[in-house]
Amino acid sequence: MRVTITQAKRQLHKLMRQAEAGEEVILTSDGRDAARLVGTAGTPKRNQKPRPQSKEAIRAKVRKSAERIKIKTRAP
């Protein structure tokens, strides 16, 4: 898919999703190819951490953090 830079400014989020899905997006300037958006398949998202599975897991995590900074928590 070829898109002018002006068009890309208006629809960057859509173009990013298309690139992530595997489609190659070429940005053009003055009728010439200027840049290419491609997905980075397999690259983990930054700061992505698994979420705790249950309330108990969350409580345990909070207790552990509280112990580390020496805050008293009430018992469940």
N, C-alpha and C. Protein backbone atom coordinates (compact mmCIF):
# COMPACT_ATOMS: atom_id res chain seq x y z
N MET A 1 0.84 -1.16 0.00
CA MET A 1 0.00 0.00 0.00
C MET A 1 0.89 1.23 0.00
N ARG A 2 0.58 2.21 -0.85
CA ARG A 2 1.34 3.45 -0.92
C ARG A 2 0.47 4.60 -0.40
N VAL A 3 1.06 5.43 0.45
CA VAL A 3 0.34 6.53 1.07
C VAL A 3 1.26 7.74 1.11
N THR A 4 0.70 8.91 0.83
CA THR A 4 1.53 10.12 0.94
C THR A 4 1.77 10.43 2.42
N ILE A 5 2.81 11.17 2.68
CA ILE A 5 3.12 11.52 4.07
C ILE A 5 1.99 12.33 4.68
N THR A 6 1.38 13.20 3.90
CA THR A 6 0.25 13.99 4.40
C THR A 6 -0.90 13.09 4.83
N GLN A 7 -1.21 12.08 4.01
CA GLN A 7 -2.27 11.13 4.36
C GLN A 7 -1.88 10.32 5.59
N ALA A 8 -0.61 9.95 5.67
CA ALA A 8 -0.13 9.14 6.79
C ALA A 8 -0.27 9.88 8.11
N LYS A 9 -0.06 11.18 8.10
CA LYS A 9 -0.21 11.97 9.32
C LYS A 9 -1.63 11.86 9.87
N ARG A 10 -2.60 11.81 8.97
CA ARG A 10 -4.00 11.75 9.40
C ARG A 10 -4.43 10.36 9.85
N GLN A 11 -3.78 9.33 9.35
CA GLN A 11 -4.24 7.97 9.65
C GLN A 11 -3.11 7.06 10.12
N LEU A 12 -2.19 7.60 10.90
CA LEU A 12 -1.03 6.83 11.34
C LEU A 12 -1.43 5.59 12.14
N HIS A 13 -2.40 5.73 13.04
CA HIS A 13 -2.79 4.59 13.86
C HIS A 13 -3.28 3.43 12.98
N LYS A 14 -4.08 3.73 11.99
CA LYS A 14 -4.59 2.70 11.08
C LYS A 14 -3.44 2.05 10.31
N LEU A 15 -2.50 2.86 9.84
CA LEU A 15 -1.37 2.34 9.09
C LEU A 15 -0.48 1.46 9.97
N MET A 16 -0.32 1.85 11.23
CA MET A 16 0.48 1.04 12.16
C MET A 16 -0.16 -0.33 12.35
N ARG A 17 -1.49 -0.36 12.51
CA ARG A 17 -2.18 -1.65 12.68
C ARG A 17 -2.02 -2.51 11.44
N GLN A 18 -2.08 -1.91 10.27
CA GLN A 18 -1.90 -2.67 9.03
C GLN A 18 -0.49 -3.23 8.94
N ALA A 19 0.49 -2.44 9.32
CA ALA A 19 1.88 -2.92 9.30
C ALA A 19 2.06 -4.06 10.30
N GLU A 20 1.46 -3.93 11.48
CA GLU A 20 1.55 -4.99 12.49
C GLU A 20 0.91 -6.28 11.98
N ALA A 21 -0.11 -6.14 11.15
CA ALA A 21 -0.80 -7.31 10.60
C ALA A 21 -0.03 -7.95 9.44
N GLY A 22 1.11 -7.33 9.06
CA GLY A 22 1.94 -7.93 8.03
C GLY A 22 1.92 -7.21 6.70
N GLU A 23 1.08 -6.20 6.56
CA GLU A 23 1.03 -5.46 5.30
C GLU A 23 2.15 -4.43 5.26
N GLU A 24 2.79 -4.31 4.12
CA GLU A 24 3.84 -3.31 3.97
C GLU A 24 3.21 -1.99 3.55
N VAL A 25 3.57 -0.91 4.22
CA VAL A 25 3.03 0.42 3.92
C VAL A 25 4.19 1.30 3.50
N ILE A 26 4.10 1.83 2.29
CA ILE A 26 5.14 2.71 1.75
C ILE A 26 4.65 4.15 1.86
N LEU A 27 5.47 5.01 2.48
CA LEU A 27 5.16 6.43 2.56
C LEU A 27 5.87 7.13 1.41
N THR A 28 5.14 7.99 0.70
CA THR A 28 5.72 8.67 -0.45
C THR A 28 5.78 10.17 -0.20
N SER A 29 6.77 10.79 -0.81
CA SER A 29 6.93 12.24 -0.75
C SER A 29 7.29 12.72 -2.15
N ASP A 30 6.53 13.65 -2.65
CA ASP A 30 6.74 14.16 -4.01
C ASP A 30 6.73 13.04 -5.04
N GLY A 31 5.89 12.04 -4.83
CA GLY A 31 5.75 10.95 -5.79
C GLY A 31 6.82 9.87 -5.70
N ARG A 32 7.77 10.02 -4.78
CA ARG A 32 8.84 9.04 -4.63
C ARG A 32 8.73 8.34 -3.28
N ASP A 33 9.15 7.10 -3.24
CA ASP A 33 9.15 6.36 -1.98
C ASP A 33 10.09 7.05 -0.99
N ALA A 34 9.58 7.28 0.25
CA ALA A 34 10.39 7.96 1.25
C ALA A 34 10.68 7.06 2.45
N ALA A 35 9.70 6.22 2.82
CA ALA A 35 9.89 5.36 4.00
C ALA A 35 8.96 4.17 3.88
N ARG A 36 9.24 3.16 4.69
CA ARG A 36 8.44 1.95 4.69
C ARG A 36 8.07 1.60 6.12
N LEU A 37 6.79 1.30 6.36
CA LEU A 37 6.35 0.81 7.67
C LEU A 37 6.20 -0.70 7.56
N VAL A 38 6.85 -1.41 8.45
CA VAL A 38 6.71 -2.87 8.49
C VAL A 38 6.52 -3.28 9.94
N GLY A 39 5.80 -4.34 10.15
CA GLY A 39 5.57 -4.84 11.50
C GLY A 39 6.82 -5.48 12.07
N THR A 40 6.87 -5.56 13.37
CA THR A 40 7.98 -6.20 14.06
C THR A 40 7.46 -7.46 14.74
N ALA A 41 7.03 -8.41 13.96
CA ALA A 41 6.43 -9.64 14.47
C ALA A 41 7.36 -10.30 15.48
N GLY A 42 6.77 -10.71 16.59
CA GLY A 42 7.53 -11.43 17.60
C GLY A 42 8.23 -10.54 18.60
N THR A 43 8.22 -9.24 18.39
CA THR A 43 8.85 -8.33 19.34
C THR A 43 7.87 -8.04 20.46
N PRO A 44 8.24 -8.32 21.71
CA PRO A 44 7.32 -8.06 22.82
C PRO A 44 7.11 -6.56 23.02
N LYS A 45 5.92 -6.19 23.48
CA LYS A 45 5.65 -4.79 23.76
C LYS A 45 6.44 -4.36 24.97
N ARG A 46 6.86 -3.10 24.98
CA ARG A 46 7.62 -2.59 26.11
C ARG A 46 6.77 -2.57 27.36
N ASN A 47 7.39 -2.87 28.47
CA ASN A 47 6.76 -2.80 29.78
C ASN A 47 5.52 -3.69 29.91
N GLN A 48 5.42 -4.70 29.09
CA GLN A 48 4.27 -5.59 29.17
C GLN A 48 4.54 -6.66 30.21
N LYS A 49 3.73 -6.67 31.26
CA LYS A 49 3.88 -7.64 32.33
C LYS A 49 2.62 -8.49 32.39
N PRO A 50 2.76 -9.75 32.73
CA PRO A 50 1.56 -10.57 32.86
C PRO A 50 0.72 -10.10 34.04
N ARG A 51 -0.59 -10.13 33.88
CA ARG A 51 -1.49 -9.71 34.95
C ARG A 51 -1.74 -10.87 35.90
N PRO A 52 -1.91 -10.57 37.19
CA PRO A 52 -2.24 -11.63 38.14
C PRO A 52 -3.57 -12.28 37.75
N GLN A 53 -3.68 -13.57 38.02
CA GLN A 53 -4.85 -14.32 37.61
C GLN A 53 -6.04 -14.19 38.54
N SER A 54 -5.80 -13.87 39.80
CA SER A 54 -6.91 -13.85 40.75
C SER A 54 -6.73 -12.74 41.78
N LYS A 55 -7.80 -12.50 42.56
CA LYS A 55 -7.72 -11.51 43.63
C LYS A 55 -6.68 -11.91 44.66
N GLU A 56 -6.59 -13.21 44.91
CA GLU A 56 -5.61 -13.69 45.88
C GLU A 56 -4.18 -13.36 45.43
N ALA A 57 -3.94 -13.52 44.14
CA ALA A 57 -2.61 -13.21 43.61
C ALA A 57 -2.31 -11.72 43.75
N ILE A 58 -3.33 -10.89 43.52
CA ILE A 58 -3.15 -9.45 43.67
C ILE A 58 -2.86 -9.10 45.13
N ARG A 59 -3.64 -9.69 46.04
CA ARG A 59 -3.43 -9.43 47.47
C ARG A 59 -2.03 -9.85 47.91
N ALA A 60 -1.58 -11.00 47.44
CA ALA A 60 -0.25 -11.48 47.80
C ALA A 60 0.83 -10.51 47.28
N LYS A 61 0.62 -10.02 46.10
CA LYS A 61 1.58 -9.08 45.53
C LYS A 61 1.62 -7.78 46.33
N VAL A 62 0.44 -7.29 46.74
CA VAL A 62 0.37 -6.07 47.54
C VAL A 62 1.03 -6.29 48.90
N ARG A 63 0.75 -7.44 49.53
CA ARG A 63 1.37 -7.74 50.83
C ARG A 63 2.89 -7.77 50.72
N LYS A 64 3.38 -8.40 49.67
CA LYS A 64 4.82 -8.49 49.47
C LYS A 64 5.43 -7.09 49.32
N SER A 65 4.76 -6.24 48.54
CA SER A 65 5.24 -4.87 48.36
C SER A 65 5.19 -4.10 49.66
N ALA A 66 4.10 -4.29 50.42
CA ALA A 66 3.94 -3.60 51.70
C ALA A 66 5.02 -4.03 52.68
N GLU A 67 5.34 -5.30 52.69
CA GLU A 67 6.40 -5.80 53.58
C GLU A 67 7.74 -5.19 53.21
N ARG A 68 7.94 -5.05 51.92
CA ARG A 68 9.21 -4.50 51.46
C ARG A 68 9.37 -3.06 51.91
N ILE A 69 8.28 -2.29 51.93
CA ILE A 69 8.38 -0.89 52.36
C ILE A 69 7.86 -0.70 53.78
N LYS A 70 7.62 -1.81 54.47
CA LYS A 70 7.26 -1.84 55.89
C LYS A 70 5.97 -1.09 56.21
N ILE A 71 4.92 -1.42 55.49
CA ILE A 71 3.59 -0.88 55.76
C ILE A 71 2.75 -2.03 56.29
N LYS A 72 1.98 -1.75 57.33
CA LYS A 72 1.12 -2.80 57.88
C LYS A 72 -0.14 -2.87 57.05
N THR A 73 -0.57 -4.09 56.75
CA THR A 73 -1.82 -4.31 56.03
C THR A 73 -2.73 -5.13 56.91
N ARG A 74 -4.03 -4.98 56.73
CA ARG A 74 -4.95 -5.77 57.53
C ARG A 74 -5.06 -7.17 56.93
N ALA A 75 -5.33 -8.11 57.77
CA ALA A 75 -5.45 -9.51 57.33
C ALA A 75 -6.74 -9.69 56.54
N PRO A 76 -6.75 -10.62 55.58
CA PRO A 76 -7.95 -10.82 54.76
C PRO A 76 -9.09 -11.43 55.55
